[in-house]
Amino acid sequence: MNDDLFQPTIGARPVLAVPPWRPSSIVYPAFFGGPLAVTVLGVLNARRLALGRNQQLAVAAAGLAAVVARLAVTGLFAGQAGARTLGTLFGLAVWGVVAATQKKAFRAYEYGAGEPASLFGPGLAAVIGCGLLENILIAVVVD
C-alpha cells in the first residue's frame, strides 16, 4: 500500500555534530546581555540546528537593527541612564526572532531523542563579552 497517510510526517534527520541550545534558554543572555549577545548566540544556534541561510540572516539582521536602534535611542533620548533598560528591551525583541525561527527545528531535534547542549558557559561569555563591547560602543557613540 503506497498511501501517503501511512508515511511518517517527521523523517529521519541527519545527526548534528554539535548539539544545539534550547531557543527558550537564550532569553537569559538576551535579558542580561542585550541584542548583541542574543544575536551571536542565535546565529550560532541556527548553525547548530543546520537551519538555512535565510533564518540565519533573519536573526543577524534583527540583531544589527536592534543594536543600531539601541545606539540611536540611547543617543537621542535616554543617555547612559536608560541604556541598560533599552539593552534588555532590544535584546528581548531579538530573542523573539530567534525563538520564532528556531522553535520548529529544535522540536524536531528533540523528537529525535536529541539532548540540548548547556548554554551556561557560552551564555555567560556572551553576556560579559558582548555586553562589554556594547557598553564601549555606547560610550564612544553617545558621549
N, C-alpha and C. Protein backbone atom coordinates (compact mmCIF):
# COMPACT_ATOMS: atom_id res chain seq x y z
N MET A 1 0.84 -1.16 0.00
CA MET A 1 0.00 0.00 0.00
C MET A 1 0.90 1.24 0.00
N ASN A 2 0.75 2.13 -0.96
CA ASN A 2 1.58 3.32 -1.10
C ASN A 2 0.80 4.59 -0.80
N ASP A 3 -0.01 4.56 0.18
CA ASP A 3 -0.80 5.72 0.55
C ASP A 3 0.04 6.66 1.42
N ASP A 4 -0.05 7.98 1.17
CA ASP A 4 0.71 8.95 1.95
C ASP A 4 0.28 8.99 3.42
N LEU A 5 -0.90 8.50 3.68
CA LEU A 5 -1.41 8.50 5.04
C LEU A 5 -0.53 7.67 5.97
N PHE A 6 0.10 6.65 5.43
CA PHE A 6 0.89 5.74 6.25
C PHE A 6 2.38 6.08 6.26
N GLN A 7 2.74 7.24 5.73
CA GLN A 7 4.13 7.69 5.75
C GLN A 7 4.35 8.56 6.99
N PRO A 8 5.50 8.43 7.65
CA PRO A 8 5.76 9.29 8.82
C PRO A 8 5.87 10.75 8.41
N THR A 9 5.37 11.63 9.26
CA THR A 9 5.40 13.06 8.93
C THR A 9 6.75 13.68 9.22
N ILE A 10 7.46 13.16 10.20
CA ILE A 10 8.80 13.66 10.50
C ILE A 10 9.79 12.60 10.08
N GLY A 11 10.56 12.93 9.07
CA GLY A 11 11.53 11.98 8.55
C GLY A 11 12.79 11.96 9.39
N ALA A 12 13.67 11.08 9.03
CA ALA A 12 14.95 10.98 9.74
C ALA A 12 15.79 12.22 9.43
N ARG A 13 16.32 12.81 10.47
CA ARG A 13 17.17 13.99 10.31
C ARG A 13 18.61 13.55 10.44
N PRO A 14 19.50 14.27 9.77
CA PRO A 14 20.91 13.92 9.93
C PRO A 14 21.37 14.21 11.36
N VAL A 15 22.31 13.43 11.83
CA VAL A 15 22.84 13.62 13.17
C VAL A 15 23.69 14.89 13.18
N LEU A 16 23.40 15.78 14.11
CA LEU A 16 24.12 17.04 14.20
C LEU A 16 25.44 16.82 14.93
N ALA A 17 26.49 17.46 14.43
CA ALA A 17 27.81 17.30 15.03
C ALA A 17 27.86 17.90 16.43
N VAL A 18 27.27 19.07 16.59
CA VAL A 18 27.26 19.75 17.89
C VAL A 18 25.80 19.95 18.29
N PRO A 19 25.41 19.50 19.47
CA PRO A 19 24.00 19.66 19.85
C PRO A 19 23.64 21.13 20.03
N PRO A 20 22.43 21.51 19.65
CA PRO A 20 22.02 22.92 19.77
C PRO A 20 21.60 23.26 21.19
N TRP A 21 21.46 24.56 21.42
CA TRP A 21 20.93 25.04 22.69
C TRP A 21 19.42 25.19 22.55
N ARG A 22 18.74 25.17 23.68
CA ARG A 22 17.29 25.43 23.66
C ARG A 22 17.06 26.89 23.28
N PRO A 23 16.23 27.16 22.27
CA PRO A 23 15.93 28.56 21.94
C PRO A 23 15.29 29.31 23.12
N SER A 24 14.53 28.61 23.94
CA SER A 24 13.92 29.28 25.09
C SER A 24 14.95 29.66 26.15
N SER A 25 16.09 28.99 26.19
CA SER A 25 17.13 29.33 27.16
C SER A 25 17.93 30.56 26.75
N ILE A 26 17.86 30.92 25.49
CA ILE A 26 18.62 32.08 25.01
C ILE A 26 18.00 33.39 25.52
N VAL A 27 16.82 33.30 26.13
CA VAL A 27 16.19 34.50 26.68
C VAL A 27 17.02 35.09 27.83
N TYR A 28 17.73 34.26 28.57
CA TYR A 28 18.53 34.78 29.70
C TYR A 28 19.69 35.65 29.22
N PRO A 29 20.50 35.19 28.26
CA PRO A 29 21.51 36.11 27.72
C PRO A 29 20.90 37.33 27.03
N ALA A 30 19.69 37.17 26.47
CA ALA A 30 19.03 38.32 25.85
C ALA A 30 18.68 39.36 26.91
N PHE A 31 18.20 38.91 28.05
CA PHE A 31 17.80 39.81 29.12
C PHE A 31 19.01 40.50 29.75
N PHE A 32 20.04 39.74 30.03
CA PHE A 32 21.20 40.29 30.74
C PHE A 32 22.28 40.85 29.82
N GLY A 33 22.36 40.36 28.58
CA GLY A 33 23.46 40.76 27.70
C GLY A 33 23.09 41.74 26.61
N GLY A 34 21.81 41.84 26.27
CA GLY A 34 21.40 42.77 25.24
C GLY A 34 21.35 42.15 23.85
N PRO A 35 21.11 42.98 22.84
CA PRO A 35 20.89 42.46 21.49
C PRO A 35 22.11 41.81 20.85
N LEU A 36 23.29 42.28 21.14
CA LEU A 36 24.48 41.70 20.51
C LEU A 36 24.72 40.28 21.01
N ALA A 37 24.55 40.05 22.30
CA ALA A 37 24.75 38.72 22.87
C ALA A 37 23.76 37.72 22.30
N VAL A 38 22.49 38.10 22.24
CA VAL A 38 21.48 37.18 21.73
C VAL A 38 21.65 36.96 20.23
N THR A 39 22.15 37.94 19.51
CA THR A 39 22.39 37.77 18.08
C THR A 39 23.50 36.75 17.83
N VAL A 40 24.58 36.88 18.57
CA VAL A 40 25.69 35.92 18.41
C VAL A 40 25.23 34.51 18.74
N LEU A 41 24.55 34.34 19.87
CA LEU A 41 24.08 33.02 20.26
C LEU A 41 23.01 32.49 19.30
N GLY A 42 22.15 33.37 18.82
CA GLY A 42 21.10 32.95 17.89
C GLY A 42 21.65 32.47 16.56
N VAL A 43 22.63 33.17 16.03
CA VAL A 43 23.24 32.75 14.76
C VAL A 43 24.01 31.45 14.94
N LEU A 44 24.75 31.33 16.04
CA LEU A 44 25.47 30.08 16.30
C LEU A 44 24.50 28.91 16.47
N ASN A 45 23.40 29.13 17.16
CA ASN A 45 22.42 28.07 17.36
C ASN A 45 21.72 27.70 16.05
N ALA A 46 21.50 28.68 15.19
CA ALA A 46 20.91 28.38 13.88
C ALA A 46 21.85 27.48 13.08
N ARG A 47 23.14 27.72 13.19
CA ARG A 47 24.11 26.84 12.52
C ARG A 47 24.10 25.46 13.15
N ARG A 48 24.00 25.39 14.47
CA ARG A 48 23.95 24.09 15.15
C ARG A 48 22.71 23.30 14.74
N LEU A 49 21.61 24.00 14.50
CA LEU A 49 20.38 23.34 14.07
C LEU A 49 20.35 23.07 12.57
N ALA A 50 21.40 23.46 11.88
CA ALA A 50 21.51 23.29 10.42
C ALA A 50 20.36 23.98 9.70
N LEU A 51 20.01 25.18 10.17
CA LEU A 51 18.96 25.96 9.51
C LEU A 51 19.53 26.61 8.26
N GLY A 52 18.64 27.01 7.40
CA GLY A 52 19.05 27.62 6.14
C GLY A 52 19.63 29.02 6.33
N ARG A 53 20.17 29.50 5.25
CA ARG A 53 20.81 30.82 5.25
C ARG A 53 19.81 31.94 5.57
N ASN A 54 18.57 31.78 5.11
CA ASN A 54 17.57 32.83 5.34
C ASN A 54 17.27 33.01 6.83
N GLN A 55 17.16 31.91 7.57
CA GLN A 55 16.91 32.02 9.01
C GLN A 55 18.10 32.64 9.73
N GLN A 56 19.30 32.27 9.31
CA GLN A 56 20.49 32.86 9.92
C GLN A 56 20.57 34.36 9.64
N LEU A 57 20.25 34.73 8.40
CA LEU A 57 20.28 36.15 8.04
C LEU A 57 19.18 36.93 8.75
N ALA A 58 18.03 36.30 8.98
CA ALA A 58 16.94 36.98 9.69
C ALA A 58 17.36 37.32 11.11
N VAL A 59 18.02 36.39 11.78
CA VAL A 59 18.49 36.64 13.15
C VAL A 59 19.57 37.72 13.14
N ALA A 60 20.51 37.62 12.20
CA ALA A 60 21.60 38.61 12.13
C ALA A 60 21.06 40.00 11.81
N ALA A 61 20.10 40.09 10.89
CA ALA A 61 19.52 41.38 10.53
C ALA A 61 18.74 41.99 11.69
N ALA A 62 17.99 41.16 12.40
CA ALA A 62 17.26 41.66 13.57
C ALA A 62 18.22 42.16 14.64
N GLY A 63 19.31 41.44 14.83
CA GLY A 63 20.31 41.86 15.81
C GLY A 63 20.99 43.15 15.44
N LEU A 64 21.36 43.28 14.17
CA LEU A 64 22.01 44.51 13.70
C LEU A 64 21.06 45.69 13.84
N ALA A 65 19.80 45.49 13.45
CA ALA A 65 18.82 46.57 13.57
C ALA A 65 18.60 46.96 15.03
N ALA A 66 18.60 45.98 15.92
CA ALA A 66 18.40 46.27 17.34
C ALA A 66 19.58 47.03 17.94
N VAL A 67 20.80 46.66 17.55
CA VAL A 67 21.98 47.37 18.06
C VAL A 67 21.98 48.81 17.57
N VAL A 68 21.68 49.02 16.29
CA VAL A 68 21.63 50.37 15.74
C VAL A 68 20.52 51.18 16.40
N ALA A 69 19.35 50.56 16.59
CA ALA A 69 18.24 51.25 17.24
C ALA A 69 18.58 51.59 18.69
N ARG A 70 19.26 50.68 19.36
CA ARG A 70 19.65 50.96 20.75
C ARG A 70 20.61 52.15 20.81
N LEU A 71 21.57 52.18 19.91
CA LEU A 71 22.50 53.31 19.88
C LEU A 71 21.78 54.61 19.58
N ALA A 72 20.86 54.58 18.62
CA ALA A 72 20.14 55.79 18.23
C ALA A 72 19.24 56.30 19.36
N VAL A 73 18.47 55.40 19.95
CA VAL A 73 17.55 55.82 21.02
C VAL A 73 18.33 56.26 22.26
N THR A 74 19.40 55.57 22.57
CA THR A 74 20.22 55.97 23.72
C THR A 74 20.84 57.34 23.48
N GLY A 75 21.31 57.58 22.28
CA GLY A 75 21.92 58.87 21.96
C GLY A 75 20.92 60.01 21.93
N LEU A 76 19.73 59.75 21.43
CA LEU A 76 18.74 60.82 21.30
C LEU A 76 17.98 61.11 22.59
N PHE A 77 17.61 60.08 23.31
CA PHE A 77 16.69 60.29 24.43
C PHE A 77 17.23 59.90 25.79
N ALA A 78 17.75 58.71 25.91
CA ALA A 78 17.98 58.15 27.24
C ALA A 78 19.32 58.51 27.85
N GLY A 79 20.35 58.61 27.06
CA GLY A 79 21.68 58.80 27.62
C GLY A 79 22.14 57.52 28.30
N GLN A 80 23.18 57.62 29.11
CA GLN A 80 23.72 56.43 29.77
C GLN A 80 22.76 55.84 30.80
N ALA A 81 21.88 56.67 31.37
CA ALA A 81 20.99 56.19 32.43
C ALA A 81 20.01 55.14 31.92
N GLY A 82 19.46 55.32 30.75
CA GLY A 82 18.47 54.38 30.23
C GLY A 82 19.03 53.33 29.31
N ALA A 83 20.33 53.31 29.14
CA ALA A 83 20.94 52.37 28.19
C ALA A 83 20.73 50.92 28.60
N ARG A 84 20.77 50.63 29.88
CA ARG A 84 20.62 49.24 30.36
C ARG A 84 19.21 48.72 30.08
N THR A 85 18.21 49.54 30.37
CA THR A 85 16.83 49.13 30.11
C THR A 85 16.58 48.93 28.63
N LEU A 86 17.11 49.83 27.82
CA LEU A 86 16.96 49.68 26.37
C LEU A 86 17.66 48.42 25.87
N GLY A 87 18.80 48.10 26.45
CA GLY A 87 19.50 46.88 26.06
C GLY A 87 18.67 45.64 26.33
N THR A 88 18.00 45.63 27.47
CA THR A 88 17.13 44.50 27.80
C THR A 88 15.96 44.41 26.83
N LEU A 89 15.32 45.54 26.55
CA LEU A 89 14.16 45.53 25.65
C LEU A 89 14.53 45.10 24.24
N PHE A 90 15.61 45.66 23.71
CA PHE A 90 16.03 45.29 22.37
C PHE A 90 16.56 43.85 22.32
N GLY A 91 17.19 43.40 23.39
CA GLY A 91 17.64 42.01 23.46
C GLY A 91 16.47 41.04 23.43
N LEU A 92 15.42 41.36 24.16
CA LEU A 92 14.23 40.50 24.15
C LEU A 92 13.53 40.52 22.79
N ALA A 93 13.59 41.65 22.10
CA ALA A 93 13.00 41.71 20.76
C ALA A 93 13.75 40.78 19.80
N VAL A 94 15.06 40.78 19.87
CA VAL A 94 15.85 39.89 19.01
C VAL A 94 15.61 38.44 19.41
N TRP A 95 15.46 38.18 20.70
CA TRP A 95 15.17 36.82 21.14
C TRP A 95 13.85 36.32 20.54
N GLY A 96 12.88 37.21 20.38
CA GLY A 96 11.63 36.83 19.74
C GLY A 96 11.85 36.31 18.33
N VAL A 97 12.76 36.94 17.60
CA VAL A 97 13.09 36.47 16.24
C VAL A 97 13.80 35.12 16.32
N VAL A 98 14.71 34.98 17.27
CA VAL A 98 15.43 33.70 17.44
C VAL A 98 14.44 32.59 17.75
N ALA A 99 13.54 32.82 18.68
CA ALA A 99 12.56 31.80 19.05
C ALA A 99 11.65 31.44 17.88
N ALA A 100 11.23 32.45 17.13
CA ALA A 100 10.33 32.19 16.00
C ALA A 100 11.01 31.39 14.89
N THR A 101 12.29 31.64 14.65
CA THR A 101 12.97 30.95 13.56
C THR A 101 13.50 29.58 13.95
N GLN A 102 13.70 29.32 15.25
CA GLN A 102 14.36 28.08 15.65
C GLN A 102 13.48 27.09 16.40
N LYS A 103 12.29 27.49 16.78
CA LYS A 103 11.44 26.62 17.59
C LYS A 103 11.09 25.32 16.88
N LYS A 104 10.70 25.40 15.62
CA LYS A 104 10.28 24.21 14.88
C LYS A 104 11.43 23.23 14.69
N ALA A 105 12.59 23.74 14.31
CA ALA A 105 13.75 22.87 14.10
C ALA A 105 14.20 22.24 15.42
N PHE A 106 14.11 22.98 16.51
CA PHE A 106 14.52 22.41 17.80
C PHE A 106 13.54 21.34 18.25
N ARG A 107 12.26 21.52 18.00
CA ARG A 107 11.28 20.48 18.34
C ARG A 107 11.56 19.20 17.57
N ALA A 108 11.89 19.33 16.30
CA ALA A 108 12.23 18.15 15.50
C ALA A 108 13.49 17.48 16.05
N TYR A 109 14.44 18.28 16.49
CA TYR A 109 15.66 17.74 17.09
C TYR A 109 15.33 16.97 18.37
N GLU A 110 14.49 17.54 19.21
CA GLU A 110 14.11 16.87 20.45
C GLU A 110 13.29 15.61 20.18
N TYR A 111 12.48 15.65 19.14
CA TYR A 111 11.67 14.48 18.79
C TYR A 111 12.56 13.30 18.44
N GLY A 112 13.70 13.58 17.86
CA GLY A 112 14.66 12.53 17.52
C GLY A 112 15.50 12.11 18.71
N ALA A 113 15.06 12.37 19.92
CA ALA A 113 15.74 12.00 21.16
C ALA A 113 17.07 12.71 21.33
N GLY A 114 17.16 13.93 20.81
CA GLY A 114 18.38 14.70 20.98
C GLY A 114 18.37 15.45 22.30
N GLU A 115 19.51 15.53 22.93
CA GLU A 115 19.67 16.28 24.17
C GLU A 115 20.31 17.63 23.86
N PRO A 116 19.76 18.72 24.36
CA PRO A 116 20.36 20.03 24.09
C PRO A 116 21.66 20.22 24.87
N ALA A 117 22.50 21.08 24.34
CA ALA A 117 23.77 21.40 24.99
C ALA A 117 23.52 22.44 26.09
N SER A 118 24.44 22.53 27.01
CA SER A 118 24.35 23.51 28.09
C SER A 118 24.74 24.89 27.56
N LEU A 119 23.96 25.87 27.92
CA LEU A 119 24.21 27.24 27.49
C LEU A 119 24.91 28.06 28.57
N PHE A 120 25.20 27.46 29.71
CA PHE A 120 25.75 28.23 30.83
C PHE A 120 27.06 28.93 30.48
N GLY A 121 28.03 28.20 30.01
CA GLY A 121 29.34 28.79 29.68
C GLY A 121 29.27 29.76 28.52
N PRO A 122 28.73 29.33 27.37
CA PRO A 122 28.64 30.26 26.24
C PRO A 122 27.74 31.46 26.53
N GLY A 123 26.66 31.23 27.27
CA GLY A 123 25.76 32.33 27.61
C GLY A 123 26.43 33.36 28.50
N LEU A 124 27.16 32.88 29.49
CA LEU A 124 27.87 33.78 30.39
C LEU A 124 28.95 34.56 29.64
N ALA A 125 29.67 33.87 28.75
CA ALA A 125 30.70 34.54 27.95
C ALA A 125 30.08 35.59 27.03
N ALA A 126 28.92 35.28 26.44
CA ALA A 126 28.26 36.24 25.56
C ALA A 126 27.75 37.44 26.34
N VAL A 127 27.19 37.20 27.51
CA VAL A 127 26.69 38.31 28.34
C VAL A 127 27.83 39.24 28.72
N ILE A 128 28.94 38.68 29.17
CA ILE A 128 30.07 39.52 29.61
C ILE A 128 30.76 40.16 28.41
N GLY A 129 31.13 39.35 27.43
CA GLY A 129 31.89 39.87 26.29
C GLY A 129 31.10 40.84 25.43
N CYS A 130 29.91 40.42 25.01
CA CYS A 130 29.10 41.28 24.14
C CYS A 130 28.54 42.47 24.90
N GLY A 131 28.21 42.26 26.19
CA GLY A 131 27.74 43.39 27.00
C GLY A 131 28.80 44.45 27.16
N LEU A 132 30.03 44.01 27.39
CA LEU A 132 31.14 44.95 27.50
C LEU A 132 31.37 45.68 26.18
N LEU A 133 31.32 44.94 25.08
CA LEU A 133 31.50 45.56 23.76
C LEU A 133 30.40 46.57 23.46
N GLU A 134 29.16 46.23 23.80
CA GLU A 134 28.06 47.18 23.58
C GLU A 134 28.22 48.43 24.43
N ASN A 135 28.63 48.26 25.68
CA ASN A 135 28.80 49.43 26.55
C ASN A 135 29.93 50.33 26.07
N ILE A 136 31.00 49.75 25.57
CA ILE A 136 32.08 50.55 25.00
C ILE A 136 31.58 51.29 23.76
N LEU A 137 30.81 50.60 22.93
CA LEU A 137 30.25 51.22 21.73
C LEU A 137 29.32 52.37 22.09
N ILE A 138 28.50 52.19 23.11
CA ILE A 138 27.60 53.25 23.55
C ILE A 138 28.40 54.44 24.09
N ALA A 139 29.43 54.16 24.87
CA ALA A 139 30.25 55.24 25.42
C ALA A 139 30.94 56.03 24.32
N VAL A 140 31.39 55.35 23.28
CA VAL A 140 32.07 56.04 22.18
C VAL A 140 31.09 56.83 21.33
N VAL A 141 29.95 56.23 21.01
CA VAL A 141 28.99 56.88 20.10
C VAL A 141 28.18 57.95 20.81
N VAL A 142 27.71 57.67 22.01
CA VAL A 142 26.80 58.59 22.69
C VAL A 142 27.55 59.75 23.35
N ASP A 143 28.64 59.46 24.00
CA ASP A 143 29.35 60.53 24.74
C ASP A 143 30.30 61.27 23.89
